[in-house]
N, C-alpha and C. Protein backbone atom coordinates (compact mmCIF):
# COMPACT_ATOMS: atom_id res chain seq x y z
N UNK A 1 1.29 279.34 108.49
CA UNK A 1 1.31 278.86 107.44
C UNK A 1 0.07 278.67 107.00
N UNK A 2 -0.38 277.42 107.60
CA UNK A 2 -1.89 276.80 107.09
C UNK A 2 -2.79 277.48 107.86
N UNK A 3 -2.59 278.34 108.88
CA UNK A 3 -3.64 278.79 109.53
C UNK A 3 -3.88 280.24 108.58
N UNK A 4 -3.09 280.93 108.09
CA UNK A 4 -3.21 281.89 107.01
C UNK A 4 -4.03 281.26 105.87
N UNK A 5 -3.77 280.32 105.16
CA UNK A 5 -4.23 279.47 104.21
C UNK A 5 -5.80 279.39 104.26
N UNK A 6 -5.87 278.74 105.36
CA UNK A 6 -7.60 278.68 106.10
C UNK A 6 -8.04 279.83 106.27
N UNK A 7 -7.74 280.80 106.80
CA UNK A 7 -8.13 282.05 107.10
C UNK A 7 -8.41 282.71 105.34
N UNK A 8 -7.62 282.78 104.87
CA UNK A 8 -7.85 283.31 103.24
C UNK A 8 -8.76 282.31 102.59
N UNK A 9 -8.77 281.29 102.68
CA UNK A 9 -10.15 280.33 102.25
C UNK A 9 -11.36 280.62 102.62
N UNK A 10 -11.30 280.85 103.94
CA UNK A 10 -12.67 281.26 104.44
C UNK A 10 -13.25 282.60 104.09
N UNK A 11 -12.26 283.33 104.04
CA UNK A 11 -12.70 284.66 103.50
C UNK A 11 -13.01 284.80 102.00
N UNK A 12 -12.23 283.89 101.38
CA UNK A 12 -12.90 283.67 99.79
C UNK A 12 -14.37 283.24 99.89
N UNK A 13 -14.21 282.02 100.77
CA UNK A 13 -15.44 281.40 100.54
C UNK A 13 -17.08 282.63 100.98
N UNK A 14 -16.77 283.43 101.48
CA UNK A 14 -17.64 284.70 101.99
C UNK A 14 -17.74 285.72 101.27
N UNK A 15 -16.59 285.58 100.02
CA UNK A 15 -16.95 286.88 99.21
C UNK A 15 -17.79 286.57 97.81
N UNK A 16 -18.09 287.42 97.36
CA UNK A 16 -19.27 287.45 96.27
C UNK A 16 -18.24 286.52 94.92
N UNK A 17 -17.10 286.53 95.04
CA UNK A 17 -16.26 285.90 93.98
C UNK A 17 -16.27 284.42 94.02
N UNK A 18 -16.58 283.95 95.20
CA UNK A 18 -16.36 282.64 95.73
C UNK A 18 -17.35 281.43 94.49
N UNK A 19 -18.36 281.70 94.21
CA UNK A 19 -18.61 280.68 93.24
C UNK A 19 -17.86 280.98 91.88
N UNK A 20 -17.42 282.00 91.68
CA UNK A 20 -16.47 281.82 90.24
C UNK A 20 -15.09 281.16 90.52
N UNK A 21 -14.71 281.27 92.04
CA UNK A 21 -13.46 280.70 92.11
C UNK A 21 -13.81 279.20 92.32
N UNK A 22 -15.00 278.75 92.83
CA UNK A 22 -14.79 277.28 92.79
C UNK A 22 -15.19 276.58 91.26
N UNK A 23 -15.89 277.65 90.63
CA UNK A 23 -16.40 277.13 89.17
C UNK A 23 -15.19 276.92 88.54
N UNK A 24 -14.22 277.99 88.90
CA UNK A 24 -12.81 277.69 87.83
C UNK A 24 -11.89 276.76 88.62
N UNK A 25 -11.70 276.35 89.64
CA UNK A 25 -11.03 275.22 90.00
C UNK A 25 -11.61 273.82 89.59
N UNK A 26 -12.88 274.10 89.83
CA UNK A 26 -13.36 272.53 89.37
C UNK A 26 -13.38 272.30 87.74
N UNK A 27 -13.39 273.42 86.99
CA UNK A 27 -13.23 273.17 85.63
C UNK A 27 -12.00 272.87 85.34
N UNK A 28 -10.75 273.57 85.99
CA UNK A 28 -9.65 273.22 85.79
C UNK A 28 -9.29 271.72 85.96
N UNK A 29 -9.53 271.52 87.17
CA UNK A 29 -9.29 269.92 87.60
C UNK A 29 -9.61 268.91 86.86
N UNK A 30 -10.68 269.24 86.17
CA UNK A 30 -11.42 268.13 84.99
C UNK A 30 -10.61 268.00 83.71
N UNK A 31 -9.67 269.13 83.38
CA UNK A 31 -8.91 268.88 82.29
C UNK A 31 -7.52 269.21 82.36
N UNK A 32 -6.94 270.05 83.34
CA UNK A 32 -5.34 269.95 83.62
C UNK A 32 -5.12 270.16 84.74
N UNK A 33 -5.60 270.87 85.65
CA UNK A 33 -5.12 271.32 87.03
C UNK A 33 -5.02 270.17 88.04
N UNK A 34 -4.20 270.34 88.74
CA UNK A 34 -3.92 269.01 89.54
C UNK A 34 -4.45 268.94 91.10
N UNK A 35 -5.34 270.40 91.41
CA UNK A 35 -5.52 270.68 92.59
C UNK A 35 -7.11 270.45 92.52
N UNK A 36 -7.75 269.50 93.53
CA UNK A 36 -9.20 269.03 93.29
C UNK A 36 -9.99 270.48 94.04
N UNK A 37 -11.19 270.38 93.48
CA UNK A 37 -12.04 271.36 93.90
C UNK A 37 -12.23 271.52 95.41
N UNK A 38 -12.16 270.32 96.00
CA UNK A 38 -12.85 270.07 97.47
C UNK A 38 -11.97 270.94 98.31
N UNK A 39 -10.61 271.44 97.84
CA UNK A 39 -10.05 272.33 98.58
C UNK A 39 -10.82 273.73 98.89
N UNK A 40 -11.76 273.99 97.82
CA UNK A 40 -12.63 275.23 97.81
C UNK A 40 -13.77 275.13 98.15
N UNK A 41 -14.25 273.95 97.89
CA UNK A 41 -15.73 273.54 98.11
C UNK A 41 -15.92 272.95 99.44
N UNK A 42 -14.90 272.68 100.29
CA UNK A 42 -15.30 272.16 101.98
C UNK A 42 -15.24 273.54 102.55
N UNK A 43 -14.07 274.52 102.61
CA UNK A 43 -14.36 275.69 103.29
C UNK A 43 -15.64 276.62 103.08
N UNK A 44 -15.95 276.62 101.66
CA UNK A 44 -17.16 277.57 101.23
C UNK A 44 -18.37 276.86 101.82
N UNK A 45 -18.59 275.83 101.99
CA UNK A 45 -19.77 275.02 102.45
C UNK A 45 -19.92 275.00 103.95
N UNK A 46 -18.61 275.07 104.73
CA UNK A 46 -18.63 275.10 106.08
C UNK A 46 -18.85 276.59 106.42
N UNK A 47 -18.38 277.69 105.63
CA UNK A 47 -18.70 279.11 105.94
C UNK A 47 -20.13 279.28 105.36
N UNK A 48 -20.63 278.92 104.59
CA UNK A 48 -22.13 279.06 104.37
C UNK A 48 -23.02 277.74 103.92
N UNK A 49 -23.38 277.00 105.04
CA UNK A 49 -23.75 275.59 104.93
C UNK A 49 -25.16 275.35 104.18
N UNK A 50 -25.88 276.63 104.15
CA UNK A 50 -26.96 276.45 103.45
C UNK A 50 -26.86 276.77 101.96
N UNK A 51 -25.77 277.19 101.57
CA UNK A 51 -25.61 277.03 100.20
C UNK A 51 -24.65 275.83 99.72
N UNK A 52 -24.43 274.84 100.43
CA UNK A 52 -23.87 273.54 100.07
C UNK A 52 -24.08 273.06 98.97
N UNK A 53 -25.49 272.87 98.97
CA UNK A 53 -26.19 272.11 97.62
C UNK A 53 -25.82 273.02 96.42
N UNK A 54 -25.85 274.21 96.56
CA UNK A 54 -25.46 275.20 95.48
C UNK A 54 -24.26 275.06 95.09
N UNK A 55 -23.21 274.90 95.85
CA UNK A 55 -21.87 274.73 95.58
C UNK A 55 -21.40 273.66 95.01
N UNK A 56 -22.37 272.50 95.26
CA UNK A 56 -22.27 271.41 94.83
C UNK A 56 -22.34 271.24 93.28
N UNK A 57 -23.64 272.03 93.05
CA UNK A 57 -24.05 271.76 91.48
C UNK A 57 -23.13 272.43 90.96
N UNK A 58 -22.62 273.58 91.19
CA UNK A 58 -21.66 274.59 90.84
C UNK A 58 -20.50 273.73 90.31
N UNK A 59 -20.12 273.02 91.56
CA UNK A 59 -18.82 272.00 90.93
C UNK A 59 -19.04 270.97 89.91
N UNK A 60 -20.31 270.63 89.97
CA UNK A 60 -20.91 269.46 89.08
C UNK A 60 -20.71 270.07 87.65
N UNK A 61 -21.48 271.15 87.39
CA UNK A 61 -21.69 271.97 86.16
C UNK A 61 -20.14 272.05 85.55
N UNK A 62 -19.24 272.48 86.36
CA UNK A 62 -18.15 273.14 85.98
C UNK A 62 -17.27 272.08 85.87
N UNK A 63 -17.16 271.04 86.61
CA UNK A 63 -16.31 269.70 86.38
C UNK A 63 -16.80 269.17 85.05
N UNK A 64 -18.15 268.95 84.79
CA UNK A 64 -18.36 268.29 83.43
C UNK A 64 -18.31 269.27 82.46
N UNK A 65 -18.03 270.45 82.37
CA UNK A 65 -17.66 271.27 81.29
C UNK A 65 -16.12 271.21 81.00
N UNK A 66 -15.16 271.20 82.04
CA UNK A 66 -13.92 270.93 82.07
C UNK A 66 -13.66 269.73 81.45
N UNK A 67 -14.48 268.84 81.89
CA UNK A 67 -14.24 267.26 81.35
C UNK A 67 -14.46 267.42 80.05
N UNK A 68 -15.44 268.40 79.30
CA UNK A 68 -15.80 268.23 77.78
C UNK A 68 -14.44 268.83 77.39
N UNK A 69 -13.79 270.13 77.97
CA UNK A 69 -12.31 270.47 77.59
C UNK A 69 -11.32 269.15 77.30
N UNK A 70 -11.13 268.56 78.78
CA UNK A 70 -10.20 267.35 78.80
C UNK A 70 -10.41 266.43 77.65
N UNK A 71 -11.83 266.21 77.40
CA UNK A 71 -12.06 265.30 76.38
C UNK A 71 -11.67 265.70 74.86
N UNK A 72 -11.83 266.89 74.60
CA UNK A 72 -11.51 267.69 73.34
C UNK A 72 -10.05 267.54 73.46
N UNK A 73 -9.05 267.78 74.50
CA UNK A 73 -7.68 267.63 74.50
C UNK A 73 -7.29 266.48 73.92
N UNK A 74 -7.95 265.33 74.30
CA UNK A 74 -7.52 263.91 74.12
C UNK A 74 -7.94 263.48 72.74
N UNK A 75 -9.08 264.19 72.25
CA UNK A 75 -9.77 263.80 70.89
C UNK A 75 -9.11 265.12 69.65
N UNK A 76 -9.11 266.08 69.84
CA UNK A 76 -8.34 267.03 68.87
C UNK A 76 -6.89 267.36 69.39
N UNK A 77 -6.32 267.23 70.21
CA UNK A 77 -5.11 267.77 70.47
C UNK A 77 -3.82 267.03 71.02
N UNK A 78 -4.44 265.29 70.82
CA UNK A 78 -3.59 264.37 71.51
C UNK A 78 -2.17 264.46 71.02
N UNK A 79 -2.00 264.78 69.50
CA UNK A 79 -0.46 265.02 69.17
C UNK A 79 0.48 265.68 69.74
N UNK A 80 -0.30 267.12 70.17
CA UNK A 80 0.71 267.97 71.01
C UNK A 80 0.06 268.05 72.58
N UNK A 81 -0.81 268.57 73.07
CA UNK A 81 -0.91 269.02 74.48
C UNK A 81 -1.57 267.48 74.98
N UNK A 82 -2.22 266.80 74.60
CA UNK A 82 -2.87 265.60 75.20
C UNK A 82 -1.64 264.34 75.18
N UNK A 83 -0.74 264.08 74.40
CA UNK A 83 0.34 263.26 74.39
C UNK A 83 1.21 263.72 75.74
N UNK A 84 1.46 264.85 75.55
CA UNK A 84 2.41 265.81 76.72
C UNK A 84 1.61 265.08 78.07
N UNK A 85 0.42 265.45 78.28
CA UNK A 85 -0.49 265.50 79.71
C UNK A 85 -0.26 263.69 79.90
N UNK A 86 -0.61 263.26 79.00
CA UNK A 86 -0.98 261.30 78.97
C UNK A 86 0.69 260.91 79.74
N UNK A 87 1.68 261.51 79.04
CA UNK A 87 3.00 260.78 79.50
C UNK A 87 3.43 261.51 80.72
N UNK A 88 2.87 262.85 81.12
CA UNK A 88 2.94 263.40 82.28
C UNK A 88 2.41 262.59 83.47
N UNK A 89 1.59 261.98 83.30
CA UNK A 89 0.79 261.26 84.38
C UNK A 89 0.86 259.59 84.34
N UNK A 90 1.83 259.18 83.60
CA UNK A 90 2.33 258.08 83.53
C UNK A 90 1.79 256.92 82.55
N UNK A 91 0.91 257.33 81.86
CA UNK A 91 0.11 256.44 80.88
C UNK A 91 0.66 256.34 79.25
N UNK A 92 1.55 257.01 79.05
CA UNK A 92 2.12 257.11 77.66
C UNK A 92 2.59 255.64 77.27
N UNK A 93 2.90 254.61 77.71
CA UNK A 93 3.41 253.31 77.71
C UNK A 93 2.28 252.23 77.61
N UNK A 94 1.04 252.65 78.15
CA UNK A 94 0.14 252.05 78.64
C UNK A 94 -1.19 252.03 77.56
N UNK A 95 -0.93 252.59 76.46
CA UNK A 95 -2.22 253.19 75.82
C UNK A 95 -2.82 251.94 74.97
N UNK A 96 -2.29 251.02 74.72
CA UNK A 96 -2.94 249.89 73.98
C UNK A 96 -3.76 249.35 75.02
N UNK A 97 -2.85 248.88 76.13
CA UNK A 97 -3.75 248.22 77.10
C UNK A 97 -5.10 248.77 77.56
N UNK A 98 -4.80 250.00 77.78
CA UNK A 98 -5.90 250.98 78.07
C UNK A 98 -6.92 250.97 76.91
N UNK A 99 -6.73 251.21 75.81
CA UNK A 99 -7.54 251.05 74.51
C UNK A 99 -8.41 249.72 74.61
N UNK A 100 -7.72 248.70 74.92
CA UNK A 100 -8.83 247.44 74.87
C UNK A 100 -9.49 247.21 76.11
N UNK A 101 -8.97 248.06 77.43
CA UNK A 101 -9.87 247.82 78.53
C UNK A 101 -11.10 248.67 78.28
N UNK A 102 -10.72 249.91 77.82
CA UNK A 102 -11.80 250.99 77.70
C UNK A 102 -13.05 250.53 76.66
N UNK A 103 -12.64 249.88 75.47
CA UNK A 103 -13.52 249.18 74.78
C UNK A 103 -14.63 248.69 75.31
N UNK A 104 -14.44 247.74 76.63
CA UNK A 104 -15.69 247.08 77.09
C UNK A 104 -15.86 247.47 78.36
N UNK A 105 -14.90 248.31 79.12
CA UNK A 105 -15.29 248.64 80.59
C UNK A 105 -15.26 250.30 80.51
N UNK A 106 -15.26 251.04 79.47
CA UNK A 106 -15.04 252.58 79.52
C UNK A 106 -16.17 253.37 80.47
N UNK A 107 -17.24 252.77 80.41
CA UNK A 107 -18.64 253.43 81.33
C UNK A 107 -18.00 253.10 82.90
N UNK A 108 -17.67 252.10 83.07
CA UNK A 108 -17.32 251.84 84.69
C UNK A 108 -16.02 252.52 85.00
N UNK A 109 -15.06 252.67 84.14
CA UNK A 109 -14.04 253.48 84.19
C UNK A 109 -14.11 254.68 84.47
N UNK A 110 -15.13 255.51 83.93
CA UNK A 110 -15.73 256.74 84.03
C UNK A 110 -16.11 256.92 85.30
N UNK A 111 -17.14 256.18 85.25
CA UNK A 111 -18.04 256.26 86.78
C UNK A 111 -17.22 256.14 87.98
N UNK A 112 -16.15 255.01 88.34
CA UNK A 112 -15.64 255.00 89.25
C UNK A 112 -14.53 255.77 89.33
N UNK A 113 -13.71 256.39 88.14
CA UNK A 113 -12.53 257.26 88.53
C UNK A 113 -13.24 258.49 89.02
N UNK A 114 -14.22 259.07 88.52
CA UNK A 114 -14.85 260.29 88.63
C UNK A 114 -15.39 260.34 90.37
N UNK A 115 -15.27 259.38 91.04
CA UNK A 115 -15.41 259.36 92.62
C UNK A 115 -14.17 259.13 93.30
N UNK A 116 -13.31 258.92 92.83
CA UNK A 116 -11.74 258.48 93.58
C UNK A 116 -10.98 259.83 93.31
N UNK A 117 -9.68 259.70 94.24
CA UNK A 117 -8.69 260.68 94.11
C UNK A 117 -7.98 260.47 92.64
N UNK A 118 -7.90 259.56 91.81
CA UNK A 118 -7.19 259.32 90.73
C UNK A 118 -7.77 260.65 89.93
N UNK A 119 -6.77 261.29 89.15
CA UNK A 119 -6.98 262.76 88.58
C UNK A 119 -8.41 262.41 87.62
N UNK A 120 -9.26 263.16 87.73
CA UNK A 120 -10.50 263.08 86.53
C UNK A 120 -9.74 263.24 85.31
N UNK A 121 -8.94 264.46 85.25
CA UNK A 121 -8.43 264.81 83.92
C UNK A 121 -7.67 263.69 83.20
N UNK A 122 -7.49 262.36 83.85
CA UNK A 122 -6.91 261.48 82.90
C UNK A 122 -7.83 260.55 82.30
N UNK A 123 -9.25 260.71 82.97
CA UNK A 123 -10.30 260.09 82.41
C UNK A 123 -10.91 260.81 81.29
N UNK A 124 -10.95 261.98 81.46
CA UNK A 124 -11.39 262.88 80.33
C UNK A 124 -10.46 262.94 78.95
N UNK A 125 -9.25 263.21 79.23
CA UNK A 125 -8.25 263.09 78.06
C UNK A 125 -8.36 261.77 77.35
N UNK A 126 -8.05 260.67 78.31
CA UNK A 126 -8.41 259.27 77.68
C UNK A 126 -9.74 258.85 77.02
N UNK A 127 -10.98 259.54 77.42
CA UNK A 127 -12.18 259.32 76.72
C UNK A 127 -11.97 260.18 75.51
N UNK A 128 -11.37 261.26 75.35
CA UNK A 128 -11.30 261.73 73.86
C UNK A 128 -10.28 261.39 72.95
N UNK A 129 -9.37 260.63 73.53
CA UNK A 129 -8.22 260.09 72.84
C UNK A 129 -8.87 258.54 72.32
N UNK A 130 -9.51 258.15 73.14
CA UNK A 130 -10.26 256.65 72.40
C UNK A 130 -11.44 256.86 71.95
N UNK A 131 -11.90 258.17 71.79
CA UNK A 131 -12.94 258.41 71.01
C UNK A 131 -14.41 257.68 71.43
N UNK A 132 -14.40 257.79 72.85
CA UNK A 132 -15.26 257.25 73.74
C UNK A 132 -16.93 257.81 73.43
N UNK A 133 -17.89 257.48 73.33
CA UNK A 133 -19.22 257.83 72.66
C UNK A 133 -19.10 259.27 73.66
N UNK A 134 -19.33 260.46 72.82
CA UNK A 134 -19.32 261.79 73.58
C UNK A 134 -20.43 261.83 74.65
N UNK A 135 -21.63 261.66 74.13
CA UNK A 135 -22.60 261.77 74.76
C UNK A 135 -22.93 260.92 76.05
N UNK A 136 -22.55 259.76 75.85
CA UNK A 136 -22.38 258.88 77.16
C UNK A 136 -21.47 259.19 78.06
N UNK A 137 -20.22 259.81 77.49
CA UNK A 137 -19.18 260.61 78.46
C UNK A 137 -19.65 261.60 79.26
N UNK A 138 -20.30 262.49 78.73
CA UNK A 138 -21.22 263.59 79.31
C UNK A 138 -21.95 263.13 80.42
N UNK A 139 -22.88 261.99 80.01
CA UNK A 139 -23.85 261.81 80.93
C UNK A 139 -23.35 260.97 82.07
N UNK A 140 -22.51 260.20 81.60
CA UNK A 140 -21.63 259.57 82.97
C UNK A 140 -20.84 260.45 83.80
N UNK A 141 -20.05 261.38 83.18
CA UNK A 141 -19.18 262.51 83.96
C UNK A 141 -20.20 263.27 84.98
N UNK A 142 -21.43 263.44 84.44
CA UNK A 142 -22.36 264.44 85.16
C UNK A 142 -23.02 263.28 86.19
N UNK A 143 -23.11 262.22 86.19
CA UNK A 143 -23.52 261.04 87.25
C UNK A 143 -22.44 261.36 88.40
N UNK A 144 -21.38 260.85 87.56
CA UNK A 144 -20.11 260.53 88.86
C UNK A 144 -19.74 261.71 89.61
N UNK A 145 -19.53 262.81 88.65
CA UNK A 145 -18.94 264.07 89.43
C UNK A 145 -20.35 264.44 90.39
N UNK A 146 -21.44 264.74 89.91
CA UNK A 146 -22.58 265.13 90.76
C UNK A 146 -22.52 264.11 92.32
N UNK A 147 -22.51 263.01 91.97
CA UNK A 147 -22.44 262.00 92.84
C UNK A 147 -21.52 262.41 93.99
N UNK A 148 -20.05 262.51 93.66
CA UNK A 148 -19.13 263.03 94.36
C UNK A 148 -19.41 264.39 95.03
N UNK A 149 -19.72 265.41 94.36
CA UNK A 149 -19.85 266.73 94.88
C UNK A 149 -21.10 266.98 96.07
N UNK A 150 -22.11 266.02 95.43
CA UNK A 150 -23.33 266.30 96.27
C UNK A 150 -23.16 265.22 97.62
N UNK A 151 -22.59 264.14 97.60
CA UNK A 151 -22.42 263.38 98.64
C UNK A 151 -21.49 264.26 99.89
N UNK A 152 -20.41 265.04 99.25
CA UNK A 152 -19.78 265.88 100.08
C UNK A 152 -20.48 266.63 100.84
N UNK A 153 -21.20 267.54 99.86
CA UNK A 153 -22.40 268.56 100.37
C UNK A 153 -23.06 268.23 101.59
N UNK A 154 -23.70 266.70 101.20
CA UNK A 154 -24.68 266.17 102.16
C UNK A 154 -24.14 265.86 103.63
N UNK A 155 -22.67 265.45 103.42
CA UNK A 155 -21.67 265.28 105.06
C UNK A 155 -21.51 266.64 105.36
N UNK A 156 -21.24 267.52 104.52
CA UNK A 156 -21.05 269.12 105.03
C UNK A 156 -22.22 269.87 105.50
N UNK A 157 -23.36 269.43 105.09
CA UNK A 157 -24.54 269.88 105.60
C UNK A 157 -25.08 269.26 106.99
N UNK A 158 -24.67 268.04 107.12
CA UNK A 158 -25.11 267.33 108.13
C UNK A 158 -24.33 267.50 109.35
N UNK A 159 -22.83 267.50 109.34
CA UNK A 159 -21.94 267.49 110.14
C UNK A 159 -20.97 268.73 109.95
N UNK A 160 -21.63 269.75 109.58
CA UNK A 160 -20.64 271.11 109.04
C UNK A 160 -20.16 271.57 110.28
N UNK A 161 -20.73 271.73 111.40
CA UNK A 161 -20.38 272.37 112.48
C UNK A 161 -19.39 271.43 113.32
N UNK A 162 -19.28 270.39 113.30
CA UNK A 162 -18.38 269.53 113.86
C UNK A 162 -17.15 269.47 112.96
N UNK A 163 -17.34 269.34 111.80
CA UNK A 163 -16.05 269.29 110.76
C UNK A 163 -15.49 270.85 110.63
N UNK A 164 -16.03 271.80 110.82
CA UNK A 164 -15.57 273.11 111.01
C UNK A 164 -14.43 273.20 112.15
N UNK A 165 -15.24 272.76 113.34
CA UNK A 165 -14.23 272.84 114.49
C UNK A 165 -13.09 271.98 114.37
N UNK A 166 -13.20 270.64 113.78
CA UNK A 166 -11.95 269.74 113.41
C UNK A 166 -10.87 270.75 112.47
N UNK A 167 -11.49 271.40 111.53
CA UNK A 167 -10.73 271.99 110.56
C UNK A 167 -9.96 273.26 111.29
N UNK A 168 -10.83 274.01 111.94
CA UNK A 168 -9.93 274.96 112.63
C UNK A 168 -8.96 274.36 113.47
N UNK A 169 -8.98 273.36 114.07
CA UNK A 169 -7.93 273.02 115.15
C UNK A 169 -6.86 271.98 114.15
N UNK A 170 -7.16 271.37 113.05
CA UNK A 170 -6.43 270.49 112.59
C UNK A 170 -6.35 270.68 111.10
N UNK A 171 -6.26 272.13 110.59
CA UNK A 171 -6.37 272.51 109.11
C UNK A 171 -5.12 271.94 108.37
N UNK A 172 -3.82 271.59 109.10
CA UNK A 172 -2.55 271.32 108.64
C UNK A 172 -2.66 269.69 108.18
N UNK A 173 -3.24 269.31 108.91
CA UNK A 173 -3.69 267.53 108.83
C UNK A 173 -4.62 267.36 107.64
N UNK A 174 -5.60 268.48 107.37
CA UNK A 174 -6.51 268.40 106.25
C UNK A 174 -5.71 268.67 105.12
N UNK A 175 -4.75 269.49 104.93
CA UNK A 175 -3.93 269.69 103.85
C UNK A 175 -3.08 268.64 103.45
N UNK A 176 -2.59 268.24 104.69
CA UNK A 176 -1.74 266.61 104.24
C UNK A 176 -2.73 265.55 103.51
N UNK A 177 -3.76 265.33 104.28
CA UNK A 177 -4.62 264.57 103.64
C UNK A 177 -4.92 264.66 102.12
N UNK A 178 -5.22 266.20 101.79
CA UNK A 178 -5.46 266.60 100.35
C UNK A 178 -4.21 266.25 99.57
N UNK A 179 -3.22 266.60 99.93
CA UNK A 179 -1.95 266.45 99.42
C UNK A 179 -1.50 264.63 99.20
N UNK A 180 -1.61 264.25 100.16
CA UNK A 180 -1.20 262.75 100.03
C UNK A 180 -2.50 262.17 98.89
N UNK A 181 -3.65 262.72 99.05
CA UNK A 181 -4.65 261.97 98.03
C UNK A 181 -4.34 262.36 96.55
N UNK A 182 -3.92 263.47 96.55
CA UNK A 182 -3.50 263.77 94.92
C UNK A 182 -2.30 262.82 94.45
N UNK A 183 -1.32 263.04 95.37
CA UNK A 183 0.07 262.06 94.95
C UNK A 183 -0.45 260.78 94.77
N UNK A 184 -1.23 260.40 96.14
CA UNK A 184 -1.77 258.91 95.87
C UNK A 184 -2.51 258.56 94.72
N UNK A 185 -3.27 259.46 94.24
CA UNK A 185 -4.34 259.25 93.09
C UNK A 185 -3.38 259.12 91.74
N UNK A 186 -2.04 260.09 91.75
CA UNK A 186 -1.34 260.17 90.84
C UNK A 186 -0.59 258.72 90.48
N UNK A 187 -0.04 258.45 91.89
CA UNK A 187 0.63 257.06 91.72
C UNK A 187 -0.36 255.62 91.26
N UNK A 188 -1.65 255.84 91.96
CA UNK A 188 -2.33 254.79 91.60
C UNK A 188 -2.57 254.79 90.11
N UNK A 189 -2.76 256.17 89.52
CA UNK A 189 -3.07 256.20 87.91
C UNK A 189 -1.88 255.55 87.01
N UNK A 190 -0.64 255.85 87.81
CA UNK A 190 0.47 255.42 86.61
C UNK A 190 0.73 253.93 87.18
N UNK A 191 0.15 253.34 88.18
CA UNK A 191 0.25 251.91 87.97
C UNK A 191 -0.85 250.91 87.72
N UNK A 192 -1.92 251.77 86.90
CA UNK A 192 -2.95 250.91 86.46
C UNK A 192 -2.33 250.43 85.08
N UNK A 193 -2.95 249.25 84.89
CA UNK A 193 -2.57 248.76 83.12
C UNK A 193 -1.39 248.37 83.01
């Protein structure tokens, strides 16, 4: 099963639709989707290492755009979609503590969470809900998401052949690490505040 998934991902990475798929996943992950774009970015960058920087730029732009949508969900739609998502991710009872923390440390929250496996959509929705300065939110999102994706691109560009060899042998382990990161990120998010 994992071999087929790996082969499919590599085939997608080499198709003309690859940048659009990558942008779609990065956009969705920043506002509502639980799967990080790394699942698509890594195989794409390994299949075409010379495009790793371009793929990182696509991820960054799409992630920030998706973050703007997440901000809008928190700002405009909290009573419906936003409240449901925040409750789903375990922050429903912790909003007042988060509001106090955000007033002083919102900038650090955005920068740090953008680099971690804690779901970025929580940052985007909470930023909108708490009416964090929108322009500052966009700038901080671009910095943190860009850092994450360009650091990954640098690693893939430098060690791509070795990583590809490891992935081909141990793709199932890579998928388990991704799943554990996602679950761990949600768990960490639910334990904060």
